[in-house]
Protein backbone atom coordinates (compact mmCIF):
# COMPACT_ATOMS: atom_id res chain seq x y z
CA MET A 1 -0.03 0.01 0.08
CA LYS A 2 1.41 3.29 -1.16
CA HIS A 3 1.03 6.28 1.35
CA GLU A 4 0.17 9.80 0.37
CA LEU A 5 0.70 13.28 1.62
CA PRO A 6 -3.33 14.34 2.59
CA GLN A 7 -4.58 17.29 0.96
CA LEU A 8 -4.66 20.34 2.94
CA PRO A 9 -8.44 21.58 3.84
CA TYR A 10 -7.18 24.95 3.38
CA ALA A 11 -4.96 26.97 1.03
CA ALA A 12 -1.26 27.30 2.22
CA ASP A 13 -1.54 30.78 3.31
CA ALA A 14 -5.07 30.40 5.09
CA LEU A 15 -3.79 30.17 8.50
CA GLU A 16 -1.76 33.40 8.22
CA PRO A 17 -0.63 34.87 10.47
CA VAL A 18 -0.60 32.06 13.14
CA ILE A 19 1.10 29.84 10.54
CA SER A 20 2.73 31.28 7.60
CA ARG A 21 2.62 30.05 4.10
CA GLN A 22 6.53 29.75 4.39
CA THR A 23 5.96 27.50 7.30
CA ILE A 24 3.34 25.38 5.56
CA ASP A 25 5.53 24.95 2.50
CA PHE A 26 8.64 23.64 4.66
CA HIS A 27 6.52 21.78 7.54
CA TYR A 28 3.97 20.47 5.65
CA GLY A 29 5.39 20.09 1.91
CA LYS A 30 9.05 19.38 2.67
CA HIS A 31 9.22 17.94 6.10
CA HIS A 32 5.72 15.99 6.08
CA GLN A 33 6.40 14.71 2.71
CA ALA A 34 9.64 13.30 3.69
CA TYR A 35 8.06 11.11 6.22
CA VAL A 36 5.76 9.91 3.59
CA ASN A 37 8.45 9.32 1.17
CA ASN A 38 10.75 7.69 3.70
CA LEU A 39 7.80 5.11 4.79
CA ASN A 40 7.17 4.33 1.05
CA THR A 41 10.76 3.44 0.74
CA LEU A 42 10.85 1.28 4.08
CA ILE A 43 7.96 -0.91 3.66
CA PRO A 44 7.96 -2.73 0.51
CA GLY A 45 9.26 -6.45 0.83
CA THR A 46 7.96 -6.31 4.63
CA HIS A 47 5.04 -7.32 6.20
CA PHE A 48 4.00 -3.77 6.69
CA GLU A 49 4.00 -3.23 2.77
CA ASN A 50 -0.05 -3.69 2.76
CA MET A 51 -1.08 -2.53 6.01
CA ASN A 52 -2.79 0.85 6.78
CA LEU A 53 -0.86 3.47 8.70
CA GLU A 54 -2.57 2.76 12.13
CA GLU A 55 -1.79 -0.87 11.63
CA ILE A 56 1.94 0.00 11.00
CA ILE A 57 2.11 2.49 13.96
CA ARG A 58 0.76 -0.10 16.21
CA LYS A 59 2.81 -3.22 15.14
CA SER A 60 6.26 -1.43 14.08
CA ASP A 61 9.44 -0.20 15.85
CA GLY A 62 12.63 1.64 14.70
CA ALA A 63 12.62 3.68 11.50
CA ILE A 64 9.13 2.25 10.12
CA PHE A 65 7.35 3.32 13.17
CA ASN A 66 9.27 6.65 13.43
CA ASN A 67 8.15 7.64 10.07
CA ALA A 68 4.64 6.12 10.00
CA ALA A 69 3.97 7.77 13.30
CA GLN A 70 5.10 10.99 12.18
CA VAL A 71 3.09 10.71 8.83
CA TYR A 72 0.06 10.09 10.89
CA ASN A 73 0.95 12.63 13.86
CA HIS A 74 1.64 15.47 11.04
CA SER A 75 -1.52 14.75 9.30
CA PHE A 76 -3.48 14.49 12.42
CA TYR A 77 -2.22 18.06 13.40
CA PHE A 78 -2.67 19.87 10.02
CA CYS A 79 -6.26 18.54 9.57
CA SER A 80 -7.33 20.12 13.05
CA PHE A 81 -7.16 23.51 11.55
CA LYS A 82 -9.09 25.87 9.24
CA LYS A 83 -8.88 29.85 8.23
CA GLY A 84 -10.17 31.53 11.18
CA GLY A 85 -10.82 28.84 13.31
CA SER A 86 -14.08 28.02 14.88
CA ALA A 87 -15.71 28.29 18.44
CA MET A 88 -16.41 25.18 20.64
CA ARG A 89 -19.85 24.71 20.36
CA HIS A 90 -22.01 22.56 23.03
CA CYS A 91 -21.33 18.87 22.22
CA ALA A 92 -20.28 15.68 24.02
CA LEU A 93 -16.61 17.04 23.62
CA SER A 94 -17.48 20.30 25.23
CA ASP A 95 -19.46 18.30 27.97
CA ALA A 96 -16.50 15.81 28.89
CA ILE A 97 -13.99 18.91 28.87
CA GLU A 98 -16.09 20.57 31.26
CA ALA A 99 -16.73 17.71 33.52
CA LYS A 100 -12.90 17.02 33.27
CA TRP A 101 -11.39 20.54 33.68
CA GLY A 102 -14.36 22.91 34.85
CA SER A 103 -14.21 25.06 31.59
CA PRO A 104 -12.65 25.27 28.11
CA GLU A 105 -10.71 27.78 29.36
CA ASN A 106 -8.95 25.33 32.17
CA PHE A 107 -8.57 22.75 29.48
CA LYS A 108 -6.61 25.16 27.22
CA LYS A 109 -4.51 26.34 30.16
CA GLU A 110 -3.79 22.69 30.91
CA PHE A 111 -3.22 21.73 27.41
CA ALA A 112 -0.75 24.62 26.87
CA GLY A 113 1.06 23.88 29.84
CA ALA A 114 1.71 20.37 28.95
CA ALA A 115 2.64 21.31 25.32
CA ALA A 116 5.18 23.98 26.66
CA SER A 117 6.70 22.03 29.06
CA LEU A 118 7.47 18.98 26.89
CA PHE A 119 11.24 18.90 26.98
CA GLY A 120 12.82 18.54 23.63
CA SER A 121 10.57 17.76 20.67
CA GLY A 122 7.26 16.01 20.38
CA TRP A 123 3.63 16.29 20.65
CA ALA A 124 0.83 17.19 23.28
CA TRP A 125 -2.34 15.26 22.76
CA LEU A 126 -5.83 15.49 24.02
CA VAL A 127 -6.80 11.63 24.30
CA ARG A 128 -9.93 9.65 25.17
CA ASN A 129 -9.76 6.07 26.57
CA ASP A 130 -12.03 3.15 26.11
CA LYS A 131 -14.09 4.23 29.03
CA GLY A 132 -14.71 7.88 27.25
CA GLU A 133 -12.38 9.54 29.80
CA LEU A 134 -10.30 12.54 28.46
CA SER A 135 -6.51 13.17 29.44
CA ILE A 136 -3.80 15.14 28.13
CA ILE A 137 -0.38 13.51 27.47
CA LYS A 138 2.85 14.35 26.15
CA GLU A 139 4.62 12.07 23.73
CA SER A 140 8.44 12.73 22.79
CA ASN A 141 9.77 12.58 19.40
CA ALA A 142 7.34 10.63 16.99
CA GLY A 143 5.09 8.97 20.25
CA CYS A 144 1.74 8.43 19.35
CA PRO A 145 -1.30 7.56 21.50
CA LEU A 146 -2.40 4.81 19.31
CA THR A 147 0.51 2.66 20.74
CA SER A 148 -1.14 3.01 23.99
CA ASN A 149 -4.66 2.03 22.49
CA LEU A 150 -5.90 5.68 23.35
CA VAL A 151 -8.29 7.73 20.64
CA PRO A 152 -6.49 11.03 19.72
CA ILE A 153 -8.71 14.19 19.84
CA LEU A 154 -6.18 16.91 19.29
CA THR A 155 -2.82 17.47 18.97
CA PHE A 156 0.13 20.48 18.98
CA ASP A 157 3.39 19.65 17.17
CA VAL A 158 6.12 21.10 19.22
CA TRP A 159 8.95 20.01 17.51
CA GLU A 160 10.98 23.36 16.50
CA HIS A 161 10.37 22.83 12.83
CA ALA A 162 6.53 23.61 13.63
CA TYR A 163 7.04 27.07 14.64
CA TYR A 164 10.84 28.07 14.23
CA LEU A 165 10.36 30.19 11.17
CA ASP A 166 7.27 32.15 12.75
CA TYR A 167 8.07 32.37 16.44
CA GLN A 168 11.91 31.47 16.68
CA ASN A 169 12.10 29.95 20.06
CA LYS A 170 8.96 31.36 21.50
CA ARG A 171 7.07 28.02 21.76
CA ALA A 172 4.71 29.50 24.23
CA ASP A 173 3.50 32.44 21.71
CA TYR A 174 2.81 29.52 18.88
CA ILE A 175 0.92 27.34 21.27
CA ALA A 176 -1.25 30.46 22.26
CA ALA A 177 -1.82 31.61 18.85
CA LEU A 178 -2.83 27.94 17.60
CA TRP A 179 -6.31 28.17 19.67
CA ASN A 180 -7.30 30.87 17.06
CA ILE A 181 -7.13 28.43 13.96
CA ILE A 182 -8.77 25.13 15.71
CA ASP A 183 -11.41 23.36 13.64
CA TRP A 184 -13.39 22.56 16.83
CA GLU A 185 -16.09 21.05 14.49
CA ARG A 186 -13.45 18.44 13.14
CA VAL A 187 -12.01 18.03 16.82
CA SER A 188 -15.32 17.47 18.07
CA GLU A 189 -15.81 14.74 15.66
CA ARG A 190 -13.02 12.84 17.05
CA TYR A 191 -14.43 12.16 20.42
């Protein structure tokens, strides 16, 4: 099975000024594409060759895992945004967030804190377990919640390549700005 770079659900400049066209060109167009290319080079002739991306992530390790997980993580991240973002409306996800953190504002504070405090490179995730309970987790490098049988709902990429062109070393500013482009309708569907 050949894996492909997913189409963005917006134009390359649609997320400006939060994420610049230049960052989309490099992060999505070159960096994300490189993970797709690497995965497609690594899996021919292996038992992963005909698996979907989620199966590969759950069953692989080493270079195949790293590239597959980064394809998945980046696709998930890029497909969580839309031009101008959207408001979190009352839904099952908003109810679960309020039950767990008391308010959307408290959730955002906790999530931003997790993303900002992750040492080095990785991902902050909002996830759901099999009982429907929400939690915020941090994954280093190519870490992916699928390996812990968690359902991913939202992620922020905190590898420097995600924000360095637009924010230099100001990770907290990048994290704060991302809330302005979240597509809460799409995110809520994942819950």
